[in-house]
Amino acid sequence: MTDEDDFAKYLHLYETADTFSKEVGEYRETVVIPAHNQLRYAGHHLALSLGPGGIANRDQFQKALAHCERAMYEAGEAGIAAAVSRVDQFRQEYKDIVIGDLVPEYRSVVLLCRQGQALLAKRRSDDSPEANAVRYMEKFRELHQGLQVLESARDDLNARVAHQGTESRRFIIRTLLLIFGIVASVAVVVWANS
């Protein structure tokens, strides 16, 4: 590989990691610090690898590439964890109703969530670091899409919760009126017999 090819590879990895880190940061509404630190380290090792005619220290250059890959992985891990947390929060908010009736994709999103959890638990596989990072990035994007589907159904789900609450209150009022009627009838019968 020529220095030009190496720089192109570095630039591709760095830009991919930086873009993805920003994407996850917007999703989480916070900066993904470990990923940004990895990018900072990548720049540091790139600077150490350079000499007057190009790449003078291959070891430092390989470290720069590894830090770019690690930044993608860190951002992906943070994104998956945030998405799984949001899906769990969504499930808790609507635990008293059957979500799948209103959101046909619900089971698929829950499955994606479990796959994301399994991916986080497994950590990295035997694939290349770049392949692992890409797998994390893809899973985050799938989860993000699934969560958007869930979020788009909030109005309908909230209406179902409100309707269910109204029905529950009506049932309680009817039951109390029935009990009061029975108690009043028994009291009248007892009073009439005494």
C-alpha atoms as a PDB file:
ATOM      1  CA  MET A   1       0.000   0.000   0.000  1.00  0.00           C
ATOM      2  CA  THR A   2       1.179   3.482  -0.753  1.00  0.00           C
ATOM      3  CA  ASP A   3       1.069   6.326   1.716  1.00  0.00           C
ATOM      4  CA  GLU A   4      -1.770   7.789  -0.326  1.00  0.00           C
ATOM      5  CA  ASP A   5      -3.813   4.579   0.076  1.00  0.00           C
ATOM      6  CA  ASP A   6      -3.041   4.492   3.785  1.00  0.00           C
ATOM      7  CA  PHE A   7      -4.149   8.090   4.232  1.00  0.00           C
ATOM      8  CA  ALA A   8      -7.343   7.373   2.284  1.00  0.00           C
ATOM      9  CA  LYS A   9      -8.080   4.447   4.599  1.00  0.00           C
ATOM     10  CA  TYR A  10      -7.380   6.576   7.672  1.00  0.00           C
ATOM     11  CA  LEU A  11      -9.554   9.391   6.363  1.00  0.00           C
ATOM     12  CA  HIS A  12     -12.406   6.990   5.599  1.00  0.00           C
ATOM     13  CA  LEU A  13     -12.268   5.428   9.072  1.00  0.00           C
ATOM     14  CA  TYR A  14     -11.908   8.778  10.818  1.00  0.00           C
ATOM     15  CA  GLU A  15     -14.772  10.431   8.943  1.00  0.00           C
ATOM     16  CA  THR A  16     -17.026   7.395   9.425  1.00  0.00           C
ATOM     17  CA  ALA A  17     -16.286   7.336  13.157  1.00  0.00           C
ATOM     18  CA  ASP A  18     -16.736  11.090  13.514  1.00  0.00           C
ATOM     19  CA  THR A  19     -20.029  11.151  11.594  1.00  0.00           C
ATOM     20  CA  PHE A  20     -21.413   8.157  13.460  1.00  0.00           C
ATOM     21  CA  SER A  21     -20.307   9.540  16.816  1.00  0.00           C
ATOM     22  CA  LYS A  22     -22.191  12.765  16.055  1.00  0.00           C
ATOM     23  CA  GLU A  23     -25.258  10.752  14.976  1.00  0.00           C
ATOM     24  CA  VAL A  24     -25.271   8.840  18.264  1.00  0.00           C
ATOM     25  CA  GLY A  25     -24.575  12.052  20.170  1.00  0.00           C
ATOM     26  CA  GLU A  26     -27.658  13.690  18.657  1.00  0.00           C
ATOM     27  CA  TYR A  27     -29.731  10.620  19.491  1.00  0.00           C
ATOM     28  CA  ARG A  28     -28.521  10.510  23.088  1.00  0.00           C
ATOM     29  CA  GLU A  29     -28.611  14.301  23.353  1.00  0.00           C
ATOM     30  CA  THR A  30     -25.106  14.173  24.764  1.00  0.00           C
ATOM     31  CA  VAL A  31     -21.575  13.856  23.453  1.00  0.00           C
ATOM     32  CA  VAL A  32     -20.151  10.340  23.240  1.00  0.00           C
ATOM     33  CA  ILE A  33     -16.961  11.122  25.169  1.00  0.00           C
ATOM     34  CA  PRO A  34     -15.198   7.740  24.796  1.00  0.00           C
ATOM     35  CA  ALA A  35     -15.618   7.903  21.010  1.00  0.00           C
ATOM     36  CA  HIS A  36     -14.352  11.484  20.867  1.00  0.00           C
ATOM     37  CA  ASN A  37     -11.366  10.538  23.008  1.00  0.00           C
ATOM     38  CA  GLN A  38     -10.563   7.706  20.603  1.00  0.00           C
ATOM     39  CA  LEU A  39     -10.653  10.147  17.685  1.00  0.00           C
ATOM     40  CA  ARG A  40      -8.358  12.487  19.570  1.00  0.00           C
ATOM     41  CA  TYR A  41      -5.931   9.606  20.143  1.00  0.00           C
ATOM     42  CA  ALA A  42      -6.173   8.708  16.448  1.00  0.00           C
ATOM     43  CA  GLY A  43      -5.098  12.212  15.498  1.00  0.00           C
ATOM     44  CA  HIS A  44      -2.258  12.098  18.013  1.00  0.00           C
ATOM     45  CA  HIS A  45      -0.922   8.788  16.660  1.00  0.00           C
ATOM     46  CA  LEU A  46      -1.297  10.022  13.083  1.00  0.00           C
ATOM     47  CA  ALA A  47       0.829  13.057  13.932  1.00  0.00           C
ATOM     48  CA  LEU A  48       3.446  10.786  15.536  1.00  0.00           C
ATOM     49  CA  SER A  49       3.488   8.540  12.459  1.00  0.00           C
ATOM     50  CA  LEU A  50       4.324  11.302  10.002  1.00  0.00           C
ATOM     51  CA  GLY A  51       7.778  12.169   8.794  1.00  0.00           C
ATOM     52  CA  PRO A  52       9.108  14.527   6.132  1.00  0.00           C
ATOM     53  CA  GLY A  53       8.168  12.235   3.225  1.00  0.00           C
ATOM     54  CA  GLY A  54       4.923  10.709   4.496  1.00  0.00           C
ATOM     55  CA  ILE A  55       4.388   7.880   6.947  1.00  0.00           C
ATOM     56  CA  ALA A  56       7.642   7.338   8.817  1.00  0.00           C
ATOM     57  CA  ASN A  57       6.377   5.191  11.694  1.00  0.00           C
ATOM     58  CA  ARG A  58       4.031   2.377  10.614  1.00  0.00           C
ATOM     59  CA  ASP A  59       3.375   1.261  14.193  1.00  0.00           C
ATOM     60  CA  GLN A  60       2.020   4.686  15.136  1.00  0.00           C
ATOM     61  CA  PHE A  61      -0.040   4.765  11.945  1.00  0.00           C
ATOM     62  CA  GLN A  62      -1.607   1.374  12.777  1.00  0.00           C
ATOM     63  CA  LYS A  63      -2.452   2.708  16.234  1.00  0.00           C
ATOM     64  CA  ALA A  64      -4.190   5.680  14.595  1.00  0.00           C
ATOM     65  CA  LEU A  65      -6.297   3.300  12.477  1.00  0.00           C
ATOM     66  CA  ALA A  66      -7.098   1.158  15.528  1.00  0.00           C
ATOM     67  CA  HIS A  67      -8.289   4.228  17.456  1.00  0.00           C
ATOM     68  CA  CYS A  68     -10.634   5.164  14.578  1.00  0.00           C
ATOM     69  CA  GLU A  69     -12.110   1.661  14.656  1.00  0.00           C
ATOM     70  CA  ARG A  70     -12.406   1.837  18.425  1.00  0.00           C
ATOM     71  CA  ALA A  71     -14.230   5.186  18.140  1.00  0.00           C
ATOM     72  CA  MET A  72     -16.839   3.580  15.864  1.00  0.00           C
ATOM     73  CA  TYR A  73     -17.219   0.717  18.324  1.00  0.00           C
ATOM     74  CA  GLU A  74     -17.526   3.070  21.337  1.00  0.00           C
ATOM     75  CA  ALA A  75     -20.162   5.191  19.595  1.00  0.00           C
ATOM     76  CA  GLY A  76     -22.061   2.081  18.508  1.00  0.00           C
ATOM     77  CA  GLU A  77     -21.987   0.616  22.001  1.00  0.00           C
ATOM     78  CA  ALA A  78     -23.245   3.874  23.522  1.00  0.00           C
ATOM     79  CA  GLY A  79     -25.960   4.157  20.882  1.00  0.00           C
ATOM     80  CA  ILE A  80     -27.190   0.590  21.340  1.00  0.00           C
ATOM     81  CA  ALA A  81     -27.267   0.975  25.119  1.00  0.00           C
ATOM     82  CA  ALA A  82     -29.244   4.231  24.817  1.00  0.00           C
ATOM     83  CA  ALA A  83     -31.705   2.729  22.318  1.00  0.00           C
ATOM     84  CA  VAL A  84     -32.253  -0.387  24.445  1.00  0.00           C
ATOM     85  CA  SER A  85     -32.870   1.846  27.446  1.00  0.00           C
ATOM     86  CA  ARG A  86     -35.423   3.924  25.518  1.00  0.00           C
ATOM     87  CA  VAL A  87     -37.276   0.833  24.307  1.00  0.00           C
ATOM     88  CA  ASP A  88     -37.390  -0.476  27.891  1.00  0.00           C
ATOM     89  CA  GLN A  89     -38.686   2.889  29.098  1.00  0.00           C
ATOM     90  CA  PHE A  90     -41.352   2.835  26.378  1.00  0.00           C
ATOM     91  CA  ARG A  91     -42.402  -0.673  27.399  1.00  0.00           C
ATOM     92  CA  GLN A  92     -42.727   0.434  31.036  1.00  0.00           C
ATOM     93  CA  GLU A  93     -44.830   3.462  30.096  1.00  0.00           C
ATOM     94  CA  TYR A  94     -47.339   1.269  28.275  1.00  0.00           C
ATOM     95  CA  LYS A  95     -47.080  -1.926  30.318  1.00  0.00           C
ATOM     96  CA  ASP A  96     -50.801  -1.922  31.128  1.00  0.00           C
ATOM     97  CA  ILE A  97     -51.966  -2.147  27.523  1.00  0.00           C
ATOM     98  CA  VAL A  98     -51.281  -4.479  24.612  1.00  0.00           C
ATOM     99  CA  ILE A  99     -48.982  -2.433  22.392  1.00  0.00           C
ATOM    100  CA  GLY A 100     -48.904  -4.982  19.567  1.00  0.00           C
ATOM    101  CA  ASP A 101     -52.583  -4.344  18.774  1.00  0.00           C
ATOM    102  CA  LEU A 102     -51.807  -0.774  17.749  1.00  0.00           C
ATOM    103  CA  VAL A 103     -48.188  -1.193  16.621  1.00  0.00           C
ATOM    104  CA  PRO A 104     -47.769  -4.313  14.471  1.00  0.00           C
ATOM    105  CA  GLU A 105     -43.970  -3.804  14.397  1.00  0.00           C
ATOM    106  CA  TYR A 106     -43.755  -3.897  18.205  1.00  0.00           C
ATOM    107  CA  ARG A 107     -42.552  -7.503  18.431  1.00  0.00           C
ATOM    108  CA  SER A 108     -39.876  -6.837  15.824  1.00  0.00           C
ATOM    109  CA  VAL A 109     -38.624  -3.856  17.812  1.00  0.00           C
ATOM    110  CA  VAL A 110     -38.512  -5.930  21.006  1.00  0.00           C
ATOM    111  CA  LEU A 111     -36.563  -8.608  19.110  1.00  0.00           C
ATOM    112  CA  LEU A 112     -34.118  -5.955  17.866  1.00  0.00           C
ATOM    113  CA  CYS A 113     -33.762  -4.798  21.459  1.00  0.00           C
ATOM    114  CA  ARG A 114     -32.887  -8.323  22.614  1.00  0.00           C
ATOM    115  CA  GLN A 115     -30.405  -8.680  19.765  1.00  0.00           C
ATOM    116  CA  GLY A 116     -28.823  -5.381  20.783  1.00  0.00           C
ATOM    117  CA  GLN A 117     -28.545  -6.566  24.386  1.00  0.00           C
ATOM    118  CA  ALA A 118     -26.980  -9.836  23.213  1.00  0.00           C
ATOM    119  CA  LEU A 119     -24.525  -7.939  21.041  1.00  0.00           C
ATOM    120  CA  LEU A 120     -23.494  -5.778  23.990  1.00  0.00           C
ATOM    121  CA  ALA A 121     -23.161  -8.834  26.246  1.00  0.00           C
ATOM    122  CA  LYS A 122     -21.100 -10.701  23.662  1.00  0.00           C
ATOM    123  CA  ARG A 123     -18.798  -7.739  23.175  1.00  0.00           C
ATOM    124  CA  ARG A 124     -16.550  -8.077  20.157  1.00  0.00           C
ATOM    125  CA  SER A 125     -16.458 -11.167  17.979  1.00  0.00           C
ATOM    126  CA  ASP A 126     -13.555 -12.702  16.125  1.00  0.00           C
ATOM    127  CA  ASP A 127     -14.223 -10.516  13.098  1.00  0.00           C
ATOM    128  CA  SER A 128     -12.002  -7.595  12.226  1.00  0.00           C
ATOM    129  CA  PRO A 129     -12.345  -4.513  14.436  1.00  0.00           C
ATOM    130  CA  GLU A 130     -13.867  -2.606  11.531  1.00  0.00           C
ATOM    131  CA  ALA A 131     -16.448  -5.376  10.934  1.00  0.00           C
ATOM    132  CA  ASN A 132     -17.350  -5.334  14.638  1.00  0.00           C
ATOM    133  CA  ALA A 133     -17.758  -1.564  14.554  1.00  0.00           C
ATOM    134  CA  VAL A 134     -19.946  -1.776  11.440  1.00  0.00           C
ATOM    135  CA  ARG A 135     -22.121  -4.437  13.136  1.00  0.00           C
ATOM    136  CA  TYR A 136     -22.613  -2.111  16.133  1.00  0.00           C
ATOM    137  CA  MET A 137     -23.411   0.820  13.856  1.00  0.00           C
ATOM    138  CA  GLU A 138     -25.994  -1.214  11.921  1.00  0.00           C
ATOM    139  CA  LYS A 139     -27.673  -2.498  15.092  1.00  0.00           C
ATOM    140  CA  PHE A 140     -27.883   1.025  16.510  1.00  0.00           C
ATOM    141  CA  ARG A 141     -29.513   2.298  13.318  1.00  0.00           C
ATOM    142  CA  GLU A 142     -32.010  -0.597  13.291  1.00  0.00           C
ATOM    143  CA  LEU A 143     -32.932   0.111  16.917  1.00  0.00           C
ATOM    144  CA  HIS A 144     -33.205   3.826  16.236  1.00  0.00           C
ATOM    145  CA  GLN A 145     -35.589   3.148  13.338  1.00  0.00           C
ATOM    146  CA  GLY A 146     -37.655   0.762  15.453  1.00  0.00           C
ATOM    147  CA  LEU A 147     -37.917   3.297  18.236  1.00  0.00           C
ATOM    148  CA  GLN A 148     -39.117   5.922  15.763  1.00  0.00           C
ATOM    149  CA  VAL A 149     -41.952   3.545  14.827  1.00  0.00           C
ATOM    150  CA  LEU A 150     -42.870   3.159  18.504  1.00  0.00           C
ATOM    151  CA  GLU A 151     -42.691   6.898  19.132  1.00  0.00           C
ATOM    152  CA  SER A 152     -44.959   7.583  16.160  1.00  0.00           C
ATOM    153  CA  ALA A 153     -47.676   5.487  17.846  1.00  0.00           C
ATOM    154  CA  ARG A 154     -47.633   7.422  21.135  1.00  0.00           C
ATOM    155  CA  ASP A 155     -50.823   9.389  20.428  1.00  0.00           C
ATOM    156  CA  ASP A 156     -52.808   6.229  19.724  1.00  0.00           C
ATOM    157  CA  LEU A 157     -51.308   4.465  22.739  1.00  0.00           C
ATOM    158  CA  ASN A 158     -52.073   7.421  25.013  1.00  0.00           C
ATOM    159  CA  ALA A 159     -55.662   7.438  23.748  1.00  0.00           C
ATOM    160  CA  ARG A 160     -55.909   3.708  24.532  1.00  0.00           C
ATOM    161  CA  VAL A 161     -54.530   4.293  28.051  1.00  0.00           C
ATOM    162  CA  ALA A 162     -57.040   7.116  28.636  1.00  0.00           C
ATOM    163  CA  HIS A 163     -59.920   5.001  27.326  1.00  0.00           C
ATOM    164  CA  GLN A 164     -58.855   2.080  29.497  1.00  0.00           C
ATOM    165  CA  GLY A 165     -58.710   4.385  32.528  1.00  0.00           C
ATOM    166  CA  THR A 166     -62.205   5.679  31.800  1.00  0.00           C
ATOM    167  CA  GLU A 167     -63.531   2.133  31.477  1.00  0.00           C
ATOM    168  CA  SER A 168     -61.853   1.151  34.759  1.00  0.00           C
ATOM    169  CA  ARG A 169     -63.415   4.109  36.573  1.00  0.00           C
ATOM    170  CA  ARG A 170     -66.843   3.271  35.163  1.00  0.00           C
ATOM    171  CA  PHE A 171     -66.484  -0.336  36.315  1.00  0.00           C
ATOM    172  CA  ILE A 172     -65.477   0.767  39.823  1.00  0.00           C
ATOM    173  CA  ILE A 173     -68.396   3.217  40.054  1.00  0.00           C
ATOM    174  CA  ARG A 174     -70.871   0.571  38.859  1.00  0.00           C
ATOM    175  CA  THR A 175     -69.484  -1.971  41.311  1.00  0.00           C
ATOM    176  CA  LEU A 176     -69.673   0.494  44.203  1.00  0.00           C
ATOM    177  CA  LEU A 177     -73.240   1.455  43.273  1.00  0.00           C
ATOM    178  CA  LEU A 178     -74.194  -2.220  43.109  1.00  0.00           C
ATOM    179  CA  ILE A 179     -72.622  -2.908  46.508  1.00  0.00           C
ATOM    180  CA  PHE A 180     -74.302   0.201  47.960  1.00  0.00           C
ATOM    181  CA  GLY A 181     -77.638  -0.946  46.502  1.00  0.00           C
ATOM    182  CA  ILE A 182     -77.249  -4.424  48.011  1.00  0.00           C
ATOM    183  CA  VAL A 183     -76.251  -3.004  51.410  1.00  0.00           C
ATOM    184  CA  ALA A 184     -79.175  -0.546  51.302  1.00  0.00           C
ATOM    185  CA  SER A 185     -81.603  -3.342  50.347  1.00  0.00           C
ATOM    186  CA  VAL A 186     -80.334  -5.576  53.146  1.00  0.00           C
ATOM    187  CA  ALA A 187     -80.580  -2.661  55.586  1.00  0.00           C
ATOM    188  CA  VAL A 188     -84.184  -1.955  54.525  1.00  0.00           C
ATOM    189  CA  VAL A 189     -85.122  -5.637  54.885  1.00  0.00           C
ATOM    190  CA  VAL A 190     -83.444  -5.876  58.304  1.00  0.00           C
ATOM    191  CA  TRP A 191     -85.064  -2.609  59.436  1.00  0.00           C
ATOM    192  CA  ALA A 192     -88.472  -3.738  58.147  1.00  0.00           C
ATOM    193  CA  ASN A 193     -88.200  -7.064  60.010  1.00  0.00           C
ATOM    194  CA  SER A 194     -87.225  -5.478  63.291  1.00  0.00           C
END
